[in-house]
C-alpha cells in the first residue's frame, strides 16, 4: 500500500509539473481600452482595475514624477523572488513570477497612468483555481517595498 501511495503522489506531482510546463503565455494580458484585463471568476487573481471586492486591490499612488518612479518600480519588480520581466514598455510592464517548488507561473502586470500619477497592478495565476493568496501577497510585498523607499504613498 505504501508503494502505491508513493507512486501515486509521484505521478500526481509529475503530471502537475508537465501541465505547468505546457501552459503558455495568456492571450488576454496587456492594456485594453486603457485598463488591464479583467480577473477571471476564480480567486487566483487581484487587480486594481477589478470592481469586485474579492479581486480588487488599490493601485500604487506615486510620490514622485511618473517617469522617475516607473524606473524604480521596474527595478523592484526585477528583485521579486522568481520574477523575470518579459515585457517592459514606456507605460506597461509584464513579469512572469515562478513559484519556488513547482515552478508554476503567475503573471504580474503594471500599467503606468501618468496623468493620474498611479500605477495600476494585476497579478494572476495561469493555472488552477485557488492560489492561497499568493498573488495578493505579491502585490502587497511590492507595495510595502515601494512605500519603504518613498516611491509610492500610503493609502
Protein backbone atom coordinates (compact mmCIF):
# COMPACT_ATOMS: atom_id res chain seq x y z
CA UNK A 1 0.00 0.00 0.00
CA UNK A 2 2.86 2.37 0.80
CA UNK A 3 4.45 1.84 -2.63
CA UNK A 4 1.15 2.57 -4.34
CA UNK A 5 0.77 5.74 -2.32
CA UNK A 6 4.28 6.97 -3.19
CA UNK A 7 3.83 6.10 -6.85
CA UNK A 8 0.51 7.91 -6.96
CA UNK A 9 1.99 11.00 -5.33
CA UNK A 10 4.96 10.94 -7.70
CA UNK A 11 2.69 10.64 -10.75
CA UNK A 12 0.50 13.47 -9.47
CA UNK A 13 3.48 15.76 -8.96
CA UNK A 14 4.97 14.89 -12.35
CA UNK A 15 1.60 15.47 -14.03
CA UNK A 16 1.32 18.89 -12.40
CA UNK A 17 4.83 19.82 -13.48
CA UNK A 18 4.14 18.67 -17.05
CA UNK A 19 0.88 20.59 -17.17
CA UNK A 20 2.57 23.72 -15.80
CA UNK A 21 5.27 23.47 -18.47
CA UNK A 22 2.63 23.25 -21.20
CA UNK A 23 0.74 26.37 -20.16
CA UNK A 24 1.84 29.23 -22.39
CA UNK A 25 1.62 32.98 -22.05
CA UNK A 26 -2.02 34.06 -21.70
CA UNK A 27 -3.53 35.94 -24.61
CA UNK A 28 -5.65 38.33 -22.53
CA UNK A 29 -2.85 40.20 -20.77
CA UNK A 30 -1.85 43.74 -21.58
CA UNK A 31 -3.71 47.04 -21.67
CA UNK A 32 -7.08 47.07 -23.41
CA UNK A 33 -9.14 50.27 -23.62
CA UNK A 34 -6.90 51.87 -21.01
CA UNK A 35 -7.30 49.05 -18.48
CA UNK A 36 -5.62 45.80 -17.50
CA UNK A 37 -7.52 42.60 -18.27
CA UNK A 38 -10.39 41.58 -16.02
CA UNK A 39 -9.77 38.89 -13.44
CA UNK A 40 -11.49 35.55 -14.00
CA UNK A 41 -14.16 34.44 -11.52
CA UNK A 42 -11.62 32.21 -9.74
CA UNK A 43 -9.91 33.66 -6.63
CA UNK A 44 -6.37 33.42 -8.07
CA UNK A 45 -6.15 36.99 -9.37
CA UNK A 46 -6.04 40.52 -7.96
CA UNK A 47 -6.24 43.78 -9.89
CA UNK A 48 -6.61 47.46 -9.16
CA UNK A 49 -8.99 47.61 -12.13
CA UNK A 50 -11.29 44.92 -10.65
CA UNK A 51 -14.69 46.16 -9.50
CA UNK A 52 -15.48 43.38 -7.02
CA UNK A 53 -14.01 43.28 -3.51
CA UNK A 54 -12.65 39.72 -3.84
CA UNK A 55 -10.31 40.67 -6.69
CA UNK A 56 -9.72 44.36 -6.03
CA UNK A 57 -6.52 45.87 -4.68
CA UNK A 58 -5.58 49.53 -4.65
CA UNK A 59 -3.30 50.98 -7.34
CA UNK A 60 0.08 52.43 -6.40
CA UNK A 61 -0.12 56.20 -5.85
CA UNK A 62 3.17 57.75 -6.98
CA UNK A 63 5.18 60.13 -4.79
CA UNK A 64 7.50 61.47 -7.50
CA UNK A 65 7.42 62.10 -11.22
CA UNK A 66 5.87 59.14 -13.07
CA UNK A 67 8.96 58.62 -15.25
CA UNK A 68 11.33 58.55 -12.29
CA UNK A 69 9.08 56.29 -10.22
CA UNK A 70 8.48 53.92 -13.16
CA UNK A 71 12.18 53.11 -13.47
CA UNK A 72 12.48 52.45 -9.74
CA UNK A 73 9.39 50.23 -9.81
CA UNK A 74 10.84 48.23 -12.71
CA UNK A 75 14.00 47.60 -10.69
CA UNK A 76 11.98 46.41 -7.69
CA UNK A 77 9.92 44.04 -9.87
CA UNK A 78 13.19 42.52 -11.11
CA UNK A 79 14.13 41.90 -7.46
CA UNK A 80 10.95 39.99 -6.59
CA UNK A 81 11.71 36.31 -5.89
CA UNK A 82 11.29 34.19 -9.04
CA UNK A 83 10.48 37.24 -11.17
CA UNK A 84 11.53 37.73 -14.79
CA UNK A 85 10.47 40.77 -16.81
CA UNK A 86 9.27 39.69 -20.25
CA UNK A 87 7.83 42.99 -21.49
CA UNK A 88 9.00 46.46 -20.47
CA UNK A 89 7.45 49.40 -22.29
CA UNK A 90 7.10 53.09 -21.55
CA UNK A 91 3.81 52.61 -19.63
CA UNK A 92 3.46 48.82 -19.28
CA UNK A 93 5.41 46.07 -17.59
CA UNK A 94 4.79 42.30 -17.62
CA UNK A 95 6.76 39.90 -15.45
CA UNK A 96 6.49 36.16 -15.05
CA UNK A 97 6.79 35.06 -11.42
CA UNK A 98 7.68 31.41 -10.82
CA UNK A 99 6.88 29.59 -7.59
CA UNK A 100 9.80 28.01 -5.75
CA UNK A 101 8.66 24.40 -5.56
CA UNK A 102 6.51 23.53 -8.56
CA UNK A 103 7.64 26.41 -10.82
CA UNK A 104 4.06 27.48 -11.55
CA UNK A 105 3.96 30.80 -13.42
CA UNK A 106 1.92 33.82 -12.37
CA UNK A 107 1.65 36.97 -14.48
CA UNK A 108 2.40 40.30 -12.82
CA UNK A 109 1.35 43.37 -14.80
CA UNK A 110 1.81 47.05 -14.08
CA UNK A 111 0.32 49.92 -16.08
CA UNK A 112 1.66 53.44 -15.54
CA UNK A 113 -1.06 56.08 -15.77
CA UNK A 114 1.00 59.29 -15.59
CA UNK A 115 -1.97 61.64 -15.88
CA UNK A 116 -3.32 60.25 -12.57
CA UNK A 117 0.13 59.59 -11.04
CA UNK A 118 -0.81 55.97 -10.38
CA UNK A 119 0.33 52.51 -11.38
CA UNK A 120 -2.47 50.00 -11.93
CA UNK A 121 -1.50 46.48 -10.89
CA UNK A 122 -2.65 42.96 -11.71
CA UNK A 123 -1.28 39.60 -10.60
CA UNK A 124 -2.88 36.34 -11.74
CA UNK A 125 -2.14 32.63 -11.74
CA UNK A 126 -2.04 30.93 -15.13
CA UNK A 127 -3.14 27.60 -13.76
CA UNK A 128 -5.56 26.28 -11.17
CA UNK A 129 -8.39 27.75 -9.19
CA UNK A 130 -7.06 28.97 -5.86
CA UNK A 131 -3.63 30.45 -5.26
CA UNK A 132 -3.94 30.60 -1.44
CA UNK A 133 -3.48 34.38 -1.60
CA UNK A 134 -0.09 34.29 -3.34
CA UNK A 135 -0.95 36.95 -5.93
CA UNK A 136 -2.36 39.37 -3.35
CA UNK A 137 0.71 38.81 -1.15
CA UNK A 138 2.99 39.55 -4.13
CA UNK A 139 1.27 42.89 -4.78
CA UNK A 140 1.37 43.77 -1.07
CA UNK A 141 5.06 42.80 -0.82
CA UNK A 142 5.85 45.09 -3.76
CA UNK A 143 3.67 47.84 -2.26
CA UNK A 144 5.50 47.55 1.08
CA UNK A 145 8.92 47.77 -0.59
CA UNK A 146 7.91 50.80 -2.66
CA UNK A 147 6.43 52.50 0.42
CA UNK A 148 9.62 51.95 2.42
CA UNK A 149 11.63 53.55 -0.37
CA UNK A 150 9.26 56.51 -0.64
CA UNK A 151 8.38 55.73 -4.26
CA UNK A 152 4.65 55.49 -3.55
CA UNK A 153 2.31 56.99 -0.96
CA UNK A 154 0.41 55.08 1.71
CA UNK A 155 -3.33 54.70 1.26
